[in-house]
Amino acid sequence: TSCMKILLDIPDNMAASLMEVLKSIPRIKAHTLTDSKAQLMIEIRDAVEEMKLIRGGKKKARNAKDFLNEL
């Protein structure tokens, strides 16, 4: 069976109770993420979307040398 993945931003004071509710539902797996791991996931998603736009001709790719100079 396929599963949907959802990333939620939840206020700290509500997170524990929501996690309890989610974990009480059969076949639901809920995991907490650190802020840095969540940010990494968002950045990877954005990079993939940007690559799709470039491959589709809707966005121009940057020169590799310019990119490396930014670092």
C-alpha atoms as a PDB file:
ATOM      1  CA  THR A   1       0.000   0.000   0.000  1.00  0.00           C
ATOM      2  CA  SER A   2       1.144   3.537  -0.628  1.00  0.00           C
ATOM      3  CA  CYS A   3       1.527   6.132   2.093  1.00  0.00           C
ATOM      4  CA  MET A   4       1.405   9.916   2.141  1.00  0.00           C
ATOM      5  CA  LYS A   5       4.143  11.781   3.964  1.00  0.00           C
ATOM      6  CA  ILE A   6       3.237  15.053   5.709  1.00  0.00           C
ATOM      7  CA  LEU A   7       5.539  17.611   7.304  1.00  0.00           C
ATOM      8  CA  LEU A   8       3.755  19.806   9.850  1.00  0.00           C
ATOM      9  CA  ASP A   9       4.820  22.889  11.792  1.00  0.00           C
ATOM     10  CA  ILE A  10       3.111  22.592  15.170  1.00  0.00           C
ATOM     11  CA  PRO A  11       3.464  24.943  18.148  1.00  0.00           C
ATOM     12  CA  ASP A  12       5.541  23.300  20.885  1.00  0.00           C
ATOM     13  CA  ASN A  13       2.684  23.461  23.391  1.00  0.00           C
ATOM     14  CA  MET A  14       0.439  21.389  21.077  1.00  0.00           C
ATOM     15  CA  ALA A  15       2.988  18.904  19.714  1.00  0.00           C
ATOM     16  CA  ALA A  16       2.920  16.299  22.497  1.00  0.00           C
ATOM     17  CA  SER A  17      -0.862  15.936  22.504  1.00  0.00           C
ATOM     18  CA  LEU A  18      -1.062  15.761  18.705  1.00  0.00           C
ATOM     19  CA  MET A  19       1.673  13.104  18.619  1.00  0.00           C
ATOM     20  CA  GLU A  20      -0.310  11.034  21.136  1.00  0.00           C
ATOM     21  CA  VAL A  21      -3.408  11.254  18.946  1.00  0.00           C
ATOM     22  CA  LEU A  22      -1.487  10.339  15.783  1.00  0.00           C
ATOM     23  CA  LYS A  23       0.262   7.397  17.421  1.00  0.00           C
ATOM     24  CA  SER A  24      -3.062   6.074  18.725  1.00  0.00           C
ATOM     25  CA  ILE A  25      -4.413   5.665  15.171  1.00  0.00           C
ATOM     26  CA  PRO A  26      -3.725   2.204  13.699  1.00  0.00           C
ATOM     27  CA  ARG A  27      -1.299   2.101  10.728  1.00  0.00           C
ATOM     28  CA  ILE A  28      -0.146   5.707  11.349  1.00  0.00           C
ATOM     29  CA  LYS A  29       3.558   6.190  11.995  1.00  0.00           C
ATOM     30  CA  ALA A  30       4.486   9.572  13.473  1.00  0.00           C
ATOM     31  CA  HIS A  31       8.063  10.715  13.986  1.00  0.00           C
ATOM     32  CA  THR A  32       9.484  13.953  15.278  1.00  0.00           C
ATOM     33  CA  LEU A  33      12.210  15.786  13.372  1.00  0.00           C
ATOM     34  CA  THR A  34      14.850  18.168  14.572  1.00  0.00           C
ATOM     35  CA  ASP A  35      14.626  21.668  13.144  1.00  0.00           C
ATOM     36  CA  SER A  36      17.806  21.101  11.151  1.00  0.00           C
ATOM     37  CA  LYS A  37      16.540  17.836   9.641  1.00  0.00           C
ATOM     38  CA  ALA A  38      13.207  19.439   8.699  1.00  0.00           C
ATOM     39  CA  GLN A  39      15.055  22.382   7.115  1.00  0.00           C
ATOM     40  CA  LEU A  40      17.264  19.987   5.144  1.00  0.00           C
ATOM     41  CA  MET A  41      14.188  18.170   3.833  1.00  0.00           C
ATOM     42  CA  ILE A  42      12.641  21.463   2.727  1.00  0.00           C
ATOM     43  CA  GLU A  43      15.851  22.539   1.005  1.00  0.00           C
ATOM     44  CA  ILE A  44      16.144  19.215  -0.833  1.00  0.00           C
ATOM     45  CA  ARG A  45      12.513  19.474  -1.962  1.00  0.00           C
ATOM     46  CA  ASP A  46      13.123  23.020  -3.226  1.00  0.00           C
ATOM     47  CA  ALA A  47      16.267  21.904  -5.084  1.00  0.00           C
ATOM     48  CA  VAL A  48      14.370  19.077  -6.791  1.00  0.00           C
ATOM     49  CA  GLU A  49      11.607  21.488  -7.843  1.00  0.00           C
ATOM     50  CA  GLU A  50      14.225  23.898  -9.221  1.00  0.00           C
ATOM     51  CA  MET A  51      15.841  21.072 -11.228  1.00  0.00           C
ATOM     52  CA  LYS A  52      12.444  20.149 -12.677  1.00  0.00           C
ATOM     53  CA  LEU A  53      11.947  23.755 -13.797  1.00  0.00           C
ATOM     54  CA  ILE A  54      15.417  23.868 -15.360  1.00  0.00           C
ATOM     55  CA  ARG A  55      14.922  20.566 -17.177  1.00  0.00           C
ATOM     56  CA  GLY A  56      11.514  21.756 -18.364  1.00  0.00           C
ATOM     57  CA  GLY A  57      13.059  24.937 -19.780  1.00  0.00           C
ATOM     58  CA  LYS A  58      11.105  27.160 -17.402  1.00  0.00           C
ATOM     59  CA  LYS A  59      14.196  28.328 -15.527  1.00  0.00           C
ATOM     60  CA  LYS A  60      17.761  28.969 -16.611  1.00  0.00           C
ATOM     61  CA  ALA A  61      20.561  27.009 -14.951  1.00  0.00           C
ATOM     62  CA  ARG A  62      23.346  28.902 -13.214  1.00  0.00           C
ATOM     63  CA  ASN A  63      26.945  28.704 -14.319  1.00  0.00           C
ATOM     64  CA  ALA A  64      28.829  26.222 -12.075  1.00  0.00           C
ATOM     65  CA  LYS A  65      31.700  28.665 -11.575  1.00  0.00           C
ATOM     66  CA  ASP A  66      29.307  31.379 -10.360  1.00  0.00           C
ATOM     67  CA  PHE A  67      27.663  28.885  -8.030  1.00  0.00           C
ATOM     68  CA  LEU A  68      30.986  27.814  -6.520  1.00  0.00           C
ATOM     69  CA  ASN A  69      32.019  31.453  -6.058  1.00  0.00           C
ATOM     70  CA  GLU A  70      28.895  31.986  -3.942  1.00  0.00           C
ATOM     71  CA  LEU A  71      30.075  29.325  -1.519  1.00  0.00           C
END
